[in-house]
Amino acid sequence: MRVSTRGDYASRALLSLALRNDLGVPTSVRDLAERTGLPQPYLEQILLSLKGVGLVRSKRGVGGGYVLARPAEEITLAEIVAAVDGPIVAGDFGVPHQDGACDHEGQCVLLGVWADVGNHMREHLSSFTLADMVLQARGIKPVQRTHSA
């Protein structure tokens, strides 16, 4: 799986909102774009998608903008990425056959492996909440690494 630019931008935008969430004041798209270095028109599209799945709320007018729709402790990286990129899977290969009957040699084994890889990716991304990343960004909590490069 490869996280798209859209998934990265959505994660960066929500992390920025979470870093300012204690203020309880909506953040304008322009301010969010400036703070994150993201292009404003693209960020507007992403925020609309995130609003559609209930990750952010918007307020119109003077002093308007976006806020997290739920506490940062309840929003995971997996949820953010899936909201803008779709289901987190290793590939679109289908599901393993239930009865073991494979159409081609080795197909069932590989379908099982790809499904397992997708499950591990979802579980790993689900282990990161916005609240955890806020603590890491503020230097309060060490950055979580499970594998060395």
C-alpha atoms as a PDB file:
ATOM      1  CA  MET A   1       0.000   0.000   0.000  1.00  0.00           C
ATOM      2  CA  ARG A   2       1.113   3.487  -0.723  1.00  0.00           C
ATOM      3  CA  VAL A   3      -0.411   6.418   1.135  1.00  0.00           C
ATOM      4  CA  SER A   4      -1.416   8.991  -1.463  1.00  0.00           C
ATOM      5  CA  THR A   5      -0.609  12.682  -1.336  1.00  0.00           C
ATOM      6  CA  ARG A   6      -4.267  13.170  -0.460  1.00  0.00           C
ATOM      7  CA  GLY A   7      -3.910  10.823   2.541  1.00  0.00           C
ATOM      8  CA  ASP A   8      -0.760  12.598   3.683  1.00  0.00           C
ATOM      9  CA  TYR A   9      -2.339  16.051   3.318  1.00  0.00           C
ATOM     10  CA  ALA A  10      -5.486  14.972   5.179  1.00  0.00           C
ATOM     11  CA  SER A  11      -3.350  13.603   8.021  1.00  0.00           C
ATOM     12  CA  ARG A  12      -1.259  16.780   8.176  1.00  0.00           C
ATOM     13  CA  ALA A  13      -4.357  18.989   8.185  1.00  0.00           C
ATOM     14  CA  LEU A  14      -6.053  17.052  10.973  1.00  0.00           C
ATOM     15  CA  LEU A  15      -2.867  16.933  13.024  1.00  0.00           C
ATOM     16  CA  SER A  16      -2.636  20.711  12.699  1.00  0.00           C
ATOM     17  CA  LEU A  17      -6.248  21.060  13.850  1.00  0.00           C
ATOM     18  CA  ALA A  18      -5.532  18.712  16.760  1.00  0.00           C
ATOM     19  CA  LEU A  19      -2.494  20.762  17.772  1.00  0.00           C
ATOM     20  CA  ARG A  20      -4.794  23.817  18.033  1.00  0.00           C
ATOM     21  CA  ASN A  21      -7.905  21.963  19.222  1.00  0.00           C
ATOM     22  CA  ASP A  22      -7.477  23.067  22.847  1.00  0.00           C
ATOM     23  CA  LEU A  23      -8.295  26.597  21.744  1.00  0.00           C
ATOM     24  CA  GLY A  24     -11.751  25.508  20.552  1.00  0.00           C
ATOM     25  CA  VAL A  25     -11.677  28.146  17.824  1.00  0.00           C
ATOM     26  CA  PRO A  26     -12.320  27.184  14.183  1.00  0.00           C
ATOM     27  CA  THR A  27      -9.325  27.445  11.870  1.00  0.00           C
ATOM     28  CA  SER A  28      -9.821  28.986   8.431  1.00  0.00           C
ATOM     29  CA  VAL A  29      -8.684  27.052   5.383  1.00  0.00           C
ATOM     30  CA  ARG A  30      -6.260  29.877   4.600  1.00  0.00           C
ATOM     31  CA  ASP A  31      -4.654  29.681   8.067  1.00  0.00           C
ATOM     32  CA  LEU A  32      -4.528  25.899   7.909  1.00  0.00           C
ATOM     33  CA  ALA A  33      -2.888  26.040   4.475  1.00  0.00           C
ATOM     34  CA  GLU A  34      -0.296  28.530   5.735  1.00  0.00           C
ATOM     35  CA  ARG A  35       0.500  26.500   8.867  1.00  0.00           C
ATOM     36  CA  THR A  36       0.851  23.211   7.007  1.00  0.00           C
ATOM     37  CA  GLY A  37       2.314  24.462   3.731  1.00  0.00           C
ATOM     38  CA  LEU A  38      -0.463  22.733   1.785  1.00  0.00           C
ATOM     39  CA  PRO A  39      -2.071  24.220  -1.342  1.00  0.00           C
ATOM     40  CA  GLN A  40      -5.325  25.887  -0.300  1.00  0.00           C
ATOM     41  CA  PRO A  41      -7.569  24.734  -3.207  1.00  0.00           C
ATOM     42  CA  TYR A  42      -6.562  21.088  -2.722  1.00  0.00           C
ATOM     43  CA  LEU A  43      -6.896  21.418   1.055  1.00  0.00           C
ATOM     44  CA  GLU A  44     -10.461  22.722   0.631  1.00  0.00           C
ATOM     45  CA  GLN A  45     -11.393  19.580  -1.336  1.00  0.00           C
ATOM     46  CA  ILE A  46      -9.815  17.328   1.286  1.00  0.00           C
ATOM     47  CA  LEU A  47     -11.580  19.101   4.147  1.00  0.00           C
ATOM     48  CA  LEU A  48     -14.920  18.660   2.379  1.00  0.00           C
ATOM     49  CA  SER A  49     -14.236  14.916   2.147  1.00  0.00           C
ATOM     50  CA  LEU A  50     -13.275  14.794   5.823  1.00  0.00           C
ATOM     51  CA  LYS A  51     -16.415  16.720   6.723  1.00  0.00           C
ATOM     52  CA  GLY A  52     -18.487  14.248   4.715  1.00  0.00           C
ATOM     53  CA  VAL A  53     -17.295  11.343   6.862  1.00  0.00           C
ATOM     54  CA  GLY A  54     -17.656  13.249  10.126  1.00  0.00           C
ATOM     55  CA  LEU A  55     -14.015  13.867  11.009  1.00  0.00           C
ATOM     56  CA  VAL A  56     -14.313  17.682  10.944  1.00  0.00           C
ATOM     57  CA  ARG A  57     -17.076  20.243  11.360  1.00  0.00           C
ATOM     58  CA  SER A  58     -17.211  23.620   9.702  1.00  0.00           C
ATOM     59  CA  LYS A  59     -18.511  26.998  10.762  1.00  0.00           C
ATOM     60  CA  ARG A  60     -19.385  29.649   8.192  1.00  0.00           C
ATOM     61  CA  GLY A  61     -18.901  33.370   8.330  1.00  0.00           C
ATOM     62  CA  VAL A  62     -16.576  35.645  10.240  1.00  0.00           C
ATOM     63  CA  GLY A  63     -14.457  33.578  12.599  1.00  0.00           C
ATOM     64  CA  GLY A  64     -15.463  30.460  10.716  1.00  0.00           C
ATOM     65  CA  GLY A  65     -13.364  27.531   9.682  1.00  0.00           C
ATOM     66  CA  TYR A  66     -12.847  23.907  10.658  1.00  0.00           C
ATOM     67  CA  VAL A  67     -12.569  22.035  13.956  1.00  0.00           C
ATOM     68  CA  LEU A  68     -12.260  18.352  14.765  1.00  0.00           C
ATOM     69  CA  ALA A  69     -15.669  16.706  14.998  1.00  0.00           C
ATOM     70  CA  ARG A  70     -14.485  14.266  17.677  1.00  0.00           C
ATOM     71  CA  PRO A  71     -11.772  14.245  20.326  1.00  0.00           C
ATOM     72  CA  ALA A  72      -8.255  13.648  18.984  1.00  0.00           C
ATOM     73  CA  GLU A  73      -8.081  10.483  21.120  1.00  0.00           C
ATOM     74  CA  GLU A  74     -10.853   8.972  18.986  1.00  0.00           C
ATOM     75  CA  ILE A  75      -9.441   9.695  15.520  1.00  0.00           C
ATOM     76  CA  THR A  76      -6.897   7.265  14.099  1.00  0.00           C
ATOM     77  CA  LEU A  77      -4.522   7.589  11.203  1.00  0.00           C
ATOM     78  CA  ALA A  78      -6.241   4.595   9.573  1.00  0.00           C
ATOM     79  CA  GLU A  79      -9.568   6.402   9.696  1.00  0.00           C
ATOM     80  CA  ILE A  80      -8.109   9.557   8.132  1.00  0.00           C
ATOM     81  CA  VAL A  81      -6.347   7.718   5.307  1.00  0.00           C
ATOM     82  CA  ALA A  82      -9.388   5.532   4.564  1.00  0.00           C
ATOM     83  CA  ALA A  83     -11.628   8.627   4.488  1.00  0.00           C
ATOM     84  CA  VAL A  84      -9.755  10.136   1.543  1.00  0.00           C
ATOM     85  CA  ASP A  85      -8.069   7.115  -0.096  1.00  0.00           C
ATOM     86  CA  GLY A  86     -10.682   4.400   0.394  1.00  0.00           C
ATOM     87  CA  PRO A  87     -10.236   1.040   2.095  1.00  0.00           C
ATOM     88  CA  ILE A  88      -6.735   0.195   3.308  1.00  0.00           C
ATOM     89  CA  VAL A  89      -5.728  -2.915   1.401  1.00  0.00           C
ATOM     90  CA  ALA A  90      -2.491  -4.305  -0.036  1.00  0.00           C
ATOM     91  CA  GLY A  91      -4.089  -4.557  -3.464  1.00  0.00           C
ATOM     92  CA  ASP A  92      -7.295  -5.296  -5.320  1.00  0.00           C
ATOM     93  CA  PHE A  93      -6.710  -8.998  -5.782  1.00  0.00           C
ATOM     94  CA  GLY A  94      -9.954 -10.374  -4.400  1.00  0.00           C
ATOM     95  CA  VAL A  95     -10.534 -12.506  -1.338  1.00  0.00           C
ATOM     96  CA  PRO A  96      -9.142 -15.966  -0.663  1.00  0.00           C
ATOM     97  CA  HIS A  97     -11.438 -18.792  -1.730  1.00  0.00           C
ATOM     98  CA  GLN A  98     -13.300 -20.257   1.196  1.00  0.00           C
ATOM     99  CA  ASP A  99     -13.308 -23.837  -0.050  1.00  0.00           C
ATOM    100  CA  GLY A 100      -9.665 -23.920  -1.145  1.00  0.00           C
ATOM    101  CA  ALA A 101     -10.597 -24.235  -4.810  1.00  0.00           C
ATOM    102  CA  CYS A 102      -8.210 -21.973  -6.698  1.00  0.00           C
ATOM    103  CA  ASP A 103      -8.456 -21.060 -10.351  1.00  0.00           C
ATOM    104  CA  HIS A 104      -4.686 -20.874 -10.789  1.00  0.00           C
ATOM    105  CA  GLU A 105      -1.633 -22.406  -9.177  1.00  0.00           C
ATOM    106  CA  GLY A 106      -0.673 -20.665  -5.929  1.00  0.00           C
ATOM    107  CA  GLN A 107      -3.515 -18.142  -6.154  1.00  0.00           C
ATOM    108  CA  CYS A 108      -5.145 -19.014  -2.819  1.00  0.00           C
ATOM    109  CA  VAL A 109      -1.856 -18.773  -0.939  1.00  0.00           C
ATOM    110  CA  LEU A 110      -1.067 -15.313  -2.325  1.00  0.00           C
ATOM    111  CA  LEU A 111      -4.628 -14.036  -1.847  1.00  0.00           C
ATOM    112  CA  GLY A 112      -4.328 -15.007   1.812  1.00  0.00           C
ATOM    113  CA  VAL A 113      -0.964 -13.243   2.144  1.00  0.00           C
ATOM    114  CA  TRP A 114      -2.251 -10.018   0.525  1.00  0.00           C
ATOM    115  CA  ALA A 115      -5.331 -10.030   2.776  1.00  0.00           C
ATOM    116  CA  ASP A 116      -3.075 -10.481   5.815  1.00  0.00           C
ATOM    117  CA  VAL A 117      -0.808  -7.618   4.704  1.00  0.00           C
ATOM    118  CA  GLY A 118      -3.858  -5.341   4.366  1.00  0.00           C
ATOM    119  CA  ASN A 119      -5.032  -6.313   7.856  1.00  0.00           C
ATOM    120  CA  HIS A 120      -1.600  -5.535   9.325  1.00  0.00           C
ATOM    121  CA  MET A 121      -1.529  -2.123   7.613  1.00  0.00           C
ATOM    122  CA  ARG A 122      -4.987  -1.249   8.956  1.00  0.00           C
ATOM    123  CA  GLU A 123      -4.063  -2.404  12.463  1.00  0.00           C
ATOM    124  CA  HIS A 124      -0.792  -0.480  12.417  1.00  0.00           C
ATOM    125  CA  LEU A 125      -2.356   2.768  11.193  1.00  0.00           C
ATOM    126  CA  SER A 126      -5.162   2.283  13.737  1.00  0.00           C
ATOM    127  CA  SER A 127      -2.557   2.256  16.515  1.00  0.00           C
ATOM    128  CA  PHE A 128      -1.839   5.969  15.930  1.00  0.00           C
ATOM    129  CA  THR A 129      -4.359   8.514  17.215  1.00  0.00           C
ATOM    130  CA  LEU A 130      -4.218  12.227  16.589  1.00  0.00           C
ATOM    131  CA  ALA A 131      -3.754  12.674  20.345  1.00  0.00           C
ATOM    132  CA  ASP A 132      -0.657  10.440  20.271  1.00  0.00           C
ATOM    133  CA  MET A 133       0.772  12.404  17.370  1.00  0.00           C
ATOM    134  CA  VAL A 134       0.076  15.713  19.142  1.00  0.00           C
ATOM    135  CA  LEU A 135       2.134  14.478  22.104  1.00  0.00           C
ATOM    136  CA  GLN A 136       4.908  13.388  19.744  1.00  0.00           C
ATOM    137  CA  ALA A 137       4.852  16.720  17.880  1.00  0.00           C
ATOM    138  CA  ARG A 138       5.145  18.560  21.193  1.00  0.00           C
ATOM    139  CA  GLY A 139       8.050  16.340  22.270  1.00  0.00           C
ATOM    140  CA  ILE A 140       6.108  14.905  25.214  1.00  0.00           C
ATOM    141  CA  LYS A 141       6.024  11.344  23.888  1.00  0.00           C
ATOM    142  CA  PRO A 142       8.738   9.592  21.877  1.00  0.00           C
ATOM    143  CA  VAL A 143       7.982   8.921  18.232  1.00  0.00           C
ATOM    144  CA  GLN A 144       6.591   5.419  17.860  1.00  0.00           C
ATOM    145  CA  ARG A 145       8.702   3.231  15.569  1.00  0.00           C
ATOM    146  CA  THR A 146       8.083  -0.473  15.118  1.00  0.00           C
ATOM    147  CA  HIS A 147      10.569  -1.240  12.368  1.00  0.00           C
ATOM    148  CA  SER A 148      14.045   0.005  11.610  1.00  0.00           C
ATOM    149  CA  ALA A 149      14.922   1.183   8.124  1.00  0.00           C
END
